[in-house]
Amino acid sequence: MPVAILHVDDDPNDVVLLEHACRKAGLDLRLHGANDGDQAMAYLSGAAPYSDRAQHPLPGLVLLDLKMPRVSGFDVLTWIRRREKFRRIPVIVLSSSNHDADVKRAYALGANSYLVKPVGFEALVELVRSVYNYWLTLNEGAAV
């Protein structure tokens, strides 16, 4: 069964690019999207419209953008790490920011990894492959 990944990003262009990169990489996964922090927390909680876990399974990995309106990625990360049920889900920050303060804050809040969004499509495909291979293939027992 494909691994579920929750991709939290408010930029529709980044969402489409990641979807294409995952397809091109040929990975066995189900990419689920949340357009903002509120949707991400609703998805993880299983709140409507995400209550059907067959359609919206708990993810084995969260890809989280930081800079979003209303509820930021930092807020979502804090929320995830404060809930026992979700603490072991790897959270990979995937941000366009390479500011040292953002990196340090994300790790302090419990991010498992911090990756800067690459500029080129082929680099994104390789990044997706690397994330998948490490976090969902090689890494043992992190997910719920």
N, C-alpha and C. Protein backbone atom coordinates (compact mmCIF):
# COMPACT_ATOMS: atom_id res chain seq x y z
N MET A 1 0.84 -1.18 0.00
CA MET A 1 0.00 0.00 0.00
C MET A 1 0.89 1.24 0.00
N PRO A 2 0.56 2.21 -0.82
CA PRO A 2 1.39 3.42 -0.89
C PRO A 2 1.39 4.18 0.44
N VAL A 3 2.50 4.81 0.73
CA VAL A 3 2.64 5.62 1.93
C VAL A 3 1.92 6.94 1.70
N ALA A 4 1.20 7.40 2.72
CA ALA A 4 0.52 8.68 2.64
C ALA A 4 1.48 9.78 3.11
N ILE A 5 1.53 10.85 2.35
CA ILE A 5 2.32 12.03 2.71
C ILE A 5 1.37 13.22 2.72
N LEU A 6 1.44 14.00 3.79
CA LEU A 6 0.66 15.23 3.86
C LEU A 6 1.57 16.38 3.46
N HIS A 7 1.21 17.06 2.39
CA HIS A 7 1.97 18.21 1.89
C HIS A 7 1.20 19.47 2.25
N VAL A 8 1.79 20.31 3.09
CA VAL A 8 1.14 21.52 3.58
C VAL A 8 1.84 22.72 2.94
N ASP A 9 1.14 23.38 2.02
CA ASP A 9 1.73 24.50 1.30
C ASP A 9 0.61 25.35 0.73
N ASP A 10 0.71 26.67 0.90
CA ASP A 10 -0.33 27.56 0.41
C ASP A 10 -0.10 28.04 -1.02
N ASP A 11 1.04 27.70 -1.60
CA ASP A 11 1.35 28.14 -2.96
C ASP A 11 0.92 27.07 -3.96
N PRO A 12 -0.13 27.33 -4.75
CA PRO A 12 -0.62 26.31 -5.69
C PRO A 12 0.44 25.87 -6.70
N ASN A 13 1.35 26.76 -7.08
CA ASN A 13 2.42 26.38 -8.01
C ASN A 13 3.35 25.35 -7.38
N ASP A 14 3.70 25.55 -6.12
CA ASP A 14 4.57 24.58 -5.43
C ASP A 14 3.87 23.24 -5.25
N VAL A 15 2.57 23.28 -5.01
CA VAL A 15 1.80 22.04 -4.85
C VAL A 15 1.84 21.24 -6.15
N VAL A 16 1.56 21.90 -7.27
CA VAL A 16 1.55 21.22 -8.57
C VAL A 16 2.94 20.71 -8.92
N LEU A 17 3.97 21.51 -8.67
CA LEU A 17 5.34 21.07 -8.96
C LEU A 17 5.70 19.82 -8.16
N LEU A 18 5.34 19.79 -6.89
CA LEU A 18 5.65 18.62 -6.07
C LEU A 18 4.89 17.39 -6.56
N GLU A 19 3.64 17.57 -6.94
CA GLU A 19 2.87 16.45 -7.49
C GLU A 19 3.54 15.89 -8.74
N HIS A 20 3.97 16.78 -9.64
CA HIS A 20 4.65 16.34 -10.87
C HIS A 20 5.99 15.67 -10.55
N ALA A 21 6.71 16.22 -9.60
CA ALA A 21 8.00 15.65 -9.22
C ALA A 21 7.83 14.24 -8.64
N CYS A 22 6.81 14.04 -7.83
CA CYS A 22 6.55 12.71 -7.27
C CYS A 22 6.20 11.71 -8.36
N ARG A 23 5.37 12.15 -9.32
CA ARG A 23 5.03 11.26 -10.44
C ARG A 23 6.26 10.91 -11.26
N LYS A 24 7.07 11.95 -11.58
CA LYS A 24 8.27 11.71 -12.39
C LYS A 24 9.25 10.79 -11.66
N ALA A 25 9.32 10.91 -10.35
CA ALA A 25 10.23 10.07 -9.57
C ALA A 25 9.73 8.62 -9.49
N GLY A 26 8.46 8.40 -9.82
CA GLY A 26 7.91 7.05 -9.84
C GLY A 26 7.80 6.41 -8.46
N LEU A 27 7.46 7.21 -7.47
CA LEU A 27 7.42 6.72 -6.09
C LEU A 27 6.04 6.18 -5.73
N ASP A 28 6.04 5.16 -4.86
CA ASP A 28 4.81 4.54 -4.41
C ASP A 28 4.30 5.31 -3.18
N LEU A 29 3.52 6.37 -3.45
CA LEU A 29 3.01 7.19 -2.36
C LEU A 29 1.69 7.82 -2.74
N ARG A 30 0.97 8.25 -1.72
CA ARG A 30 -0.29 9.00 -1.90
C ARG A 30 -0.06 10.37 -1.31
N LEU A 31 -0.04 11.36 -2.16
CA LEU A 31 0.18 12.73 -1.73
C LEU A 31 -1.17 13.38 -1.41
N HIS A 32 -1.32 13.84 -0.17
CA HIS A 32 -2.51 14.55 0.27
C HIS A 32 -2.12 15.98 0.53
N GLY A 33 -2.99 16.91 0.20
CA GLY A 33 -2.65 18.32 0.33
C GLY A 33 -3.47 19.05 1.36
N ALA A 34 -2.82 20.03 1.96
CA ALA A 34 -3.49 21.00 2.83
C ALA A 34 -2.98 22.37 2.40
N ASN A 35 -3.89 23.30 2.15
CA ASN A 35 -3.51 24.61 1.63
C ASN A 35 -3.10 25.60 2.70
N ASP A 36 -3.31 25.24 3.96
CA ASP A 36 -2.91 26.14 5.04
C ASP A 36 -2.81 25.34 6.34
N GLY A 37 -2.38 26.01 7.38
CA GLY A 37 -2.18 25.34 8.65
C GLY A 37 -3.46 24.81 9.26
N ASP A 38 -4.56 25.55 9.10
CA ASP A 38 -5.85 25.08 9.63
C ASP A 38 -6.25 23.76 8.98
N GLN A 39 -6.10 23.68 7.65
CA GLN A 39 -6.44 22.43 6.95
C GLN A 39 -5.53 21.29 7.39
N ALA A 40 -4.26 21.58 7.61
CA ALA A 40 -3.31 20.54 8.04
C ALA A 40 -3.73 19.96 9.38
N MET A 41 -4.09 20.82 10.32
CA MET A 41 -4.50 20.34 11.64
C MET A 41 -5.83 19.59 11.57
N ALA A 42 -6.75 20.05 10.72
CA ALA A 42 -8.01 19.34 10.53
C ALA A 42 -7.77 17.96 9.93
N TYR A 43 -6.89 17.91 8.93
CA TYR A 43 -6.56 16.62 8.30
C TYR A 43 -6.00 15.66 9.34
N LEU A 44 -5.00 16.09 10.07
CA LEU A 44 -4.36 15.21 11.05
C LEU A 44 -5.33 14.77 12.14
N SER A 45 -6.22 15.66 12.55
CA SER A 45 -7.20 15.36 13.59
C SER A 45 -8.31 14.44 13.11
N GLY A 46 -8.48 14.37 11.80
CA GLY A 46 -9.58 13.59 11.26
C GLY A 46 -10.90 14.33 11.35
N ALA A 47 -10.83 15.66 11.43
CA ALA A 47 -12.05 16.48 11.46
C ALA A 47 -12.64 16.55 10.05
N ALA A 48 -13.93 16.84 9.98
CA ALA A 48 -14.58 16.98 8.67
C ALA A 48 -13.86 18.07 7.88
N PRO A 49 -13.63 17.86 6.64
CA PRO A 49 -14.06 16.77 5.76
C PRO A 49 -13.06 15.62 5.65
N TYR A 50 -12.17 15.47 6.62
CA TYR A 50 -11.10 14.47 6.58
C TYR A 50 -11.35 13.29 7.50
N SER A 51 -12.58 13.06 7.91
CA SER A 51 -12.87 12.03 8.91
C SER A 51 -12.77 10.61 8.37
N ASP A 52 -12.87 10.41 7.08
CA ASP A 52 -12.76 9.07 6.50
C ASP A 52 -11.29 8.72 6.33
N ARG A 53 -10.77 7.89 7.24
CA ARG A 53 -9.34 7.55 7.21
C ARG A 53 -8.96 6.66 6.03
N ALA A 54 -9.92 6.04 5.38
CA ALA A 54 -9.62 5.30 4.15
C ALA A 54 -9.24 6.28 3.05
N GLN A 55 -9.93 7.41 3.00
CA GLN A 55 -9.65 8.44 2.00
C GLN A 55 -8.54 9.39 2.45
N HIS A 56 -8.43 9.62 3.76
CA HIS A 56 -7.49 10.58 4.32
C HIS A 56 -6.71 9.92 5.46
N PRO A 57 -5.83 8.97 5.12
CA PRO A 57 -5.11 8.25 6.17
C PRO A 57 -4.10 9.14 6.90
N LEU A 58 -3.76 8.73 8.12
CA LEU A 58 -2.68 9.43 8.81
C LEU A 58 -1.43 9.31 7.96
N PRO A 59 -0.71 10.38 7.80
CA PRO A 59 0.48 10.32 6.94
C PRO A 59 1.67 9.64 7.62
N GLY A 60 2.51 9.07 6.79
CA GLY A 60 3.78 8.55 7.28
C GLY A 60 4.85 9.62 7.30
N LEU A 61 4.50 10.79 6.74
CA LEU A 61 5.45 11.90 6.62
C LEU A 61 4.66 13.17 6.35
N VAL A 62 5.11 14.29 6.93
CA VAL A 62 4.53 15.59 6.65
C VAL A 62 5.60 16.46 6.01
N LEU A 63 5.28 17.04 4.85
CA LEU A 63 6.11 18.06 4.21
C LEU A 63 5.45 19.39 4.50
N LEU A 64 6.16 20.28 5.20
CA LEU A 64 5.54 21.47 5.77
C LEU A 64 6.23 22.75 5.33
N ASP A 65 5.48 23.61 4.67
CA ASP A 65 5.97 24.95 4.35
C ASP A 65 5.82 25.80 5.62
N LEU A 66 6.66 26.80 5.77
CA LEU A 66 6.61 27.64 6.97
C LEU A 66 5.78 28.89 6.79
N LYS A 67 5.94 29.55 5.68
CA LYS A 67 5.34 30.87 5.47
C LYS A 67 3.95 30.75 4.86
N MET A 68 2.96 30.66 5.75
CA MET A 68 1.57 30.57 5.32
C MET A 68 0.75 31.58 6.10
N PRO A 69 -0.35 32.05 5.51
CA PRO A 69 -1.20 33.02 6.22
C PRO A 69 -1.94 32.35 7.38
N ARG A 70 -2.41 33.15 8.30
CA ARG A 70 -3.20 32.75 9.48
C ARG A 70 -2.41 31.82 10.40
N VAL A 71 -2.30 30.55 10.05
CA VAL A 71 -1.60 29.58 10.89
C VAL A 71 -0.33 29.18 10.15
N SER A 72 0.82 29.58 10.68
CA SER A 72 2.09 29.33 10.00
C SER A 72 2.53 27.88 10.16
N GLY A 73 3.53 27.52 9.38
CA GLY A 73 4.13 26.20 9.53
C GLY A 73 4.73 26.00 10.91
N PHE A 74 5.27 27.05 11.50
CA PHE A 74 5.79 26.96 12.87
C PHE A 74 4.67 26.59 13.84
N ASP A 75 3.49 27.20 13.65
CA ASP A 75 2.34 26.89 14.51
C ASP A 75 1.89 25.45 14.33
N VAL A 76 1.86 24.98 13.09
CA VAL A 76 1.47 23.59 12.82
C VAL A 76 2.47 22.63 13.44
N LEU A 77 3.74 22.92 13.30
CA LEU A 77 4.78 22.07 13.88
C LEU A 77 4.63 22.00 15.40
N THR A 78 4.41 23.13 16.03
CA THR A 78 4.19 23.15 17.49
C THR A 78 2.98 22.31 17.86
N TRP A 79 1.90 22.47 17.12
CA TRP A 79 0.66 21.72 17.37
C TRP A 79 0.90 20.22 17.24
N ILE A 80 1.61 19.81 16.18
CA ILE A 80 1.89 18.38 15.96
C ILE A 80 2.69 17.81 17.13
N ARG A 81 3.74 18.49 17.52
CA ARG A 81 4.64 17.96 18.54
C ARG A 81 4.03 17.95 19.94
N ARG A 82 2.95 18.69 20.14
CA ARG A 82 2.27 18.69 21.44
C ARG A 82 1.24 17.58 21.56
N ARG A 83 1.05 16.81 20.51
CA ARG A 83 0.08 15.74 20.52
C ARG A 83 0.77 14.39 20.42
N GLU A 84 0.57 13.58 21.43
CA GLU A 84 1.23 12.27 21.51
C GLU A 84 0.98 11.44 20.25
N LYS A 85 -0.23 11.50 19.75
CA LYS A 85 -0.61 10.68 18.59
C LYS A 85 0.23 10.98 17.35
N PHE A 86 0.73 12.22 17.24
CA PHE A 86 1.43 12.64 16.03
C PHE A 86 2.93 12.86 16.22
N ARG A 87 3.42 12.75 17.43
CA ARG A 87 4.81 13.09 17.72
C ARG A 87 5.83 12.32 16.91
N ARG A 88 5.51 11.09 16.57
CA ARG A 88 6.49 10.26 15.86
C ARG A 88 6.41 10.41 14.34
N ILE A 89 5.45 11.14 13.84
CA ILE A 89 5.38 11.37 12.39
C ILE A 89 6.53 12.30 12.01
N PRO A 90 7.39 11.87 11.10
CA PRO A 90 8.46 12.77 10.66
C PRO A 90 7.89 14.01 9.98
N VAL A 91 8.38 15.16 10.39
CA VAL A 91 7.97 16.43 9.79
C VAL A 91 9.20 17.03 9.12
N ILE A 92 9.11 17.16 7.81
CA ILE A 92 10.18 17.74 7.02
C ILE A 92 9.74 19.13 6.59
N VAL A 93 10.46 20.13 7.05
CA VAL A 93 10.17 21.48 6.60
C VAL A 93 10.71 21.61 5.19
N LEU A 94 9.85 22.06 4.28
CA LEU A 94 10.22 22.29 2.89
C LEU A 94 9.85 23.74 2.60
N SER A 95 10.85 24.60 2.68
CA SER A 95 10.61 26.04 2.66
C SER A 95 11.51 26.72 1.64
N SER A 96 11.08 27.87 1.18
CA SER A 96 11.95 28.66 0.31
C SER A 96 12.92 29.50 1.14
N SER A 97 12.69 29.56 2.45
CA SER A 97 13.56 30.34 3.34
C SER A 97 14.80 29.55 3.74
N ASN A 98 15.95 30.19 3.59
CA ASN A 98 17.17 29.59 4.10
C ASN A 98 17.75 30.45 5.24
N HIS A 99 16.88 31.26 5.85
CA HIS A 99 17.31 32.12 6.95
C HIS A 99 17.66 31.26 8.16
N ASP A 100 18.81 31.54 8.73
CA ASP A 100 19.31 30.78 9.87
C ASP A 100 18.29 30.76 11.02
N ALA A 101 17.63 31.89 11.26
CA ALA A 101 16.65 31.95 12.35
C ALA A 101 15.48 31.00 12.10
N ASP A 102 15.03 30.88 10.86
CA ASP A 102 13.94 29.94 10.53
C ASP A 102 14.38 28.50 10.73
N VAL A 103 15.59 28.19 10.28
CA VAL A 103 16.12 26.83 10.43
C VAL A 103 16.21 26.46 11.91
N LYS A 104 16.81 27.33 12.70
CA LYS A 104 16.98 27.05 14.13
C LYS A 104 15.63 26.91 14.84
N ARG A 105 14.71 27.79 14.50
CA ARG A 105 13.39 27.72 15.13
C ARG A 105 12.66 26.44 14.77
N ALA A 106 12.73 26.04 13.51
CA ALA A 106 12.06 24.81 13.08
C ALA A 106 12.61 23.60 13.83
N TYR A 107 13.92 23.51 13.94
CA TYR A 107 14.51 22.39 14.69
C TYR A 107 14.16 22.46 16.17
N ALA A 108 14.14 23.65 16.73
CA ALA A 108 13.79 23.80 18.15
C ALA A 108 12.36 23.36 18.42
N LEU A 109 11.48 23.52 17.43
CA LEU A 109 10.08 23.13 17.58
C LEU A 109 9.84 21.65 17.25
N GLY A 110 10.87 20.96 16.78
CA GLY A 110 10.74 19.52 16.57
C GLY A 110 10.75 19.03 15.15
N ALA A 111 11.18 19.87 14.20
CA ALA A 111 11.30 19.39 12.81
C ALA A 111 12.35 18.28 12.76
N ASN A 112 12.10 17.28 11.93
CA ASN A 112 13.08 16.21 11.74
C ASN A 112 14.13 16.56 10.71
N SER A 113 13.77 17.44 9.79
CA SER A 113 14.70 17.87 8.75
C SER A 113 14.23 19.21 8.21
N TYR A 114 15.17 19.96 7.64
CA TYR A 114 14.85 21.26 7.07
C TYR A 114 15.48 21.30 5.69
N LEU A 115 14.64 21.42 4.67
CA LEU A 115 15.11 21.44 3.29
C LEU A 115 14.64 22.72 2.61
N VAL A 116 15.52 23.30 1.84
CA VAL A 116 15.16 24.49 1.07
C VAL A 116 14.66 24.03 -0.30
N LYS A 117 13.53 24.60 -0.71
CA LYS A 117 12.95 24.23 -2.00
C LYS A 117 13.96 24.53 -3.10
N PRO A 118 14.25 23.53 -3.93
CA PRO A 118 15.20 23.79 -5.03
C PRO A 118 14.56 24.63 -6.12
N VAL A 119 15.41 25.25 -6.91
CA VAL A 119 14.93 26.13 -7.98
C VAL A 119 14.48 25.33 -9.20
N GLY A 120 15.24 24.35 -9.62
CA GLY A 120 14.92 23.60 -10.83
C GLY A 120 14.07 22.38 -10.58
N PHE A 121 13.30 21.99 -11.61
CA PHE A 121 12.41 20.83 -11.49
C PHE A 121 13.17 19.54 -11.26
N GLU A 122 14.24 19.31 -12.00
CA GLU A 122 15.01 18.06 -11.83
C GLU A 122 15.59 17.97 -10.42
N ALA A 123 16.00 19.10 -9.87
CA ALA A 123 16.51 19.11 -8.49
C ALA A 123 15.39 18.75 -7.51
N LEU A 124 14.17 19.19 -7.80
CA LEU A 124 13.03 18.84 -6.96
C LEU A 124 12.74 17.34 -7.04
N VAL A 125 12.83 16.77 -8.22
CA VAL A 125 12.62 15.32 -8.39
C VAL A 125 13.65 14.56 -7.54
N GLU A 126 14.90 14.98 -7.59
CA GLU A 126 15.94 14.31 -6.80
C GLU A 126 15.72 14.50 -5.31
N LEU A 127 15.28 15.68 -4.91
CA LEU A 127 14.99 15.92 -3.50
C LEU A 127 13.87 15.00 -3.03
N VAL A 128 12.80 14.88 -3.82
CA VAL A 128 11.68 14.01 -3.48
C VAL A 128 12.16 12.56 -3.35
N ARG A 129 12.97 12.11 -4.29
CA ARG A 129 13.52 10.75 -4.21
C ARG A 129 14.34 10.55 -2.94
N SER A 130 15.16 11.53 -2.62
CA SER A 130 16.00 11.43 -1.43
C SER A 130 15.17 11.37 -0.16
N VAL A 131 14.17 12.24 -0.07
CA VAL A 131 13.30 12.24 1.10
C VAL A 131 12.59 10.90 1.22
N TYR A 132 12.03 10.42 0.12
CA TYR A 132 11.33 9.14 0.13
C TYR A 132 12.27 8.01 0.54
N ASN A 133 13.43 7.95 -0.09
CA ASN A 133 14.36 6.85 0.19
C ASN A 133 14.83 6.85 1.64
N TYR A 134 15.14 8.02 2.17
CA TYR A 134 15.62 8.05 3.54
C TYR A 134 14.49 7.87 4.55
N TRP A 135 13.50 8.75 4.49
CA TRP A 135 12.48 8.79 5.54
C TRP A 135 11.45 7.68 5.45
N LEU A 136 11.19 7.16 4.26
CA LEU A 136 10.13 6.16 4.11
C LEU A 136 10.65 4.77 3.73
N THR A 137 11.94 4.66 3.44
CA THR A 137 12.50 3.36 3.10
C THR A 137 13.55 2.93 4.12
N LEU A 138 14.58 3.75 4.29
CA LEU A 138 15.70 3.39 5.17
C LEU A 138 15.42 3.62 6.65
N ASN A 139 14.73 4.70 6.97
CA ASN A 139 14.49 5.07 8.36
C ASN A 139 13.52 4.06 9.00
N GLU A 140 13.85 3.57 10.17
CA GLU A 140 13.04 2.55 10.84
C GLU A 140 12.06 3.14 11.84
N GLY A 141 10.81 2.75 11.73
CA GLY A 141 9.82 2.92 12.76
C GLY A 141 9.48 4.30 13.25
N ALA A 142 9.60 5.31 12.44
CA ALA A 142 9.29 6.65 12.92
C ALA A 142 7.80 6.94 12.92
N ALA A 143 7.11 6.46 11.90
CA ALA A 143 5.69 6.82 11.75
C ALA A 143 4.82 6.12 12.79
N VAL A 144 3.60 6.64 12.93
CA VAL A 144 2.64 6.13 13.91
C VAL A 144 2.23 4.70 13.61
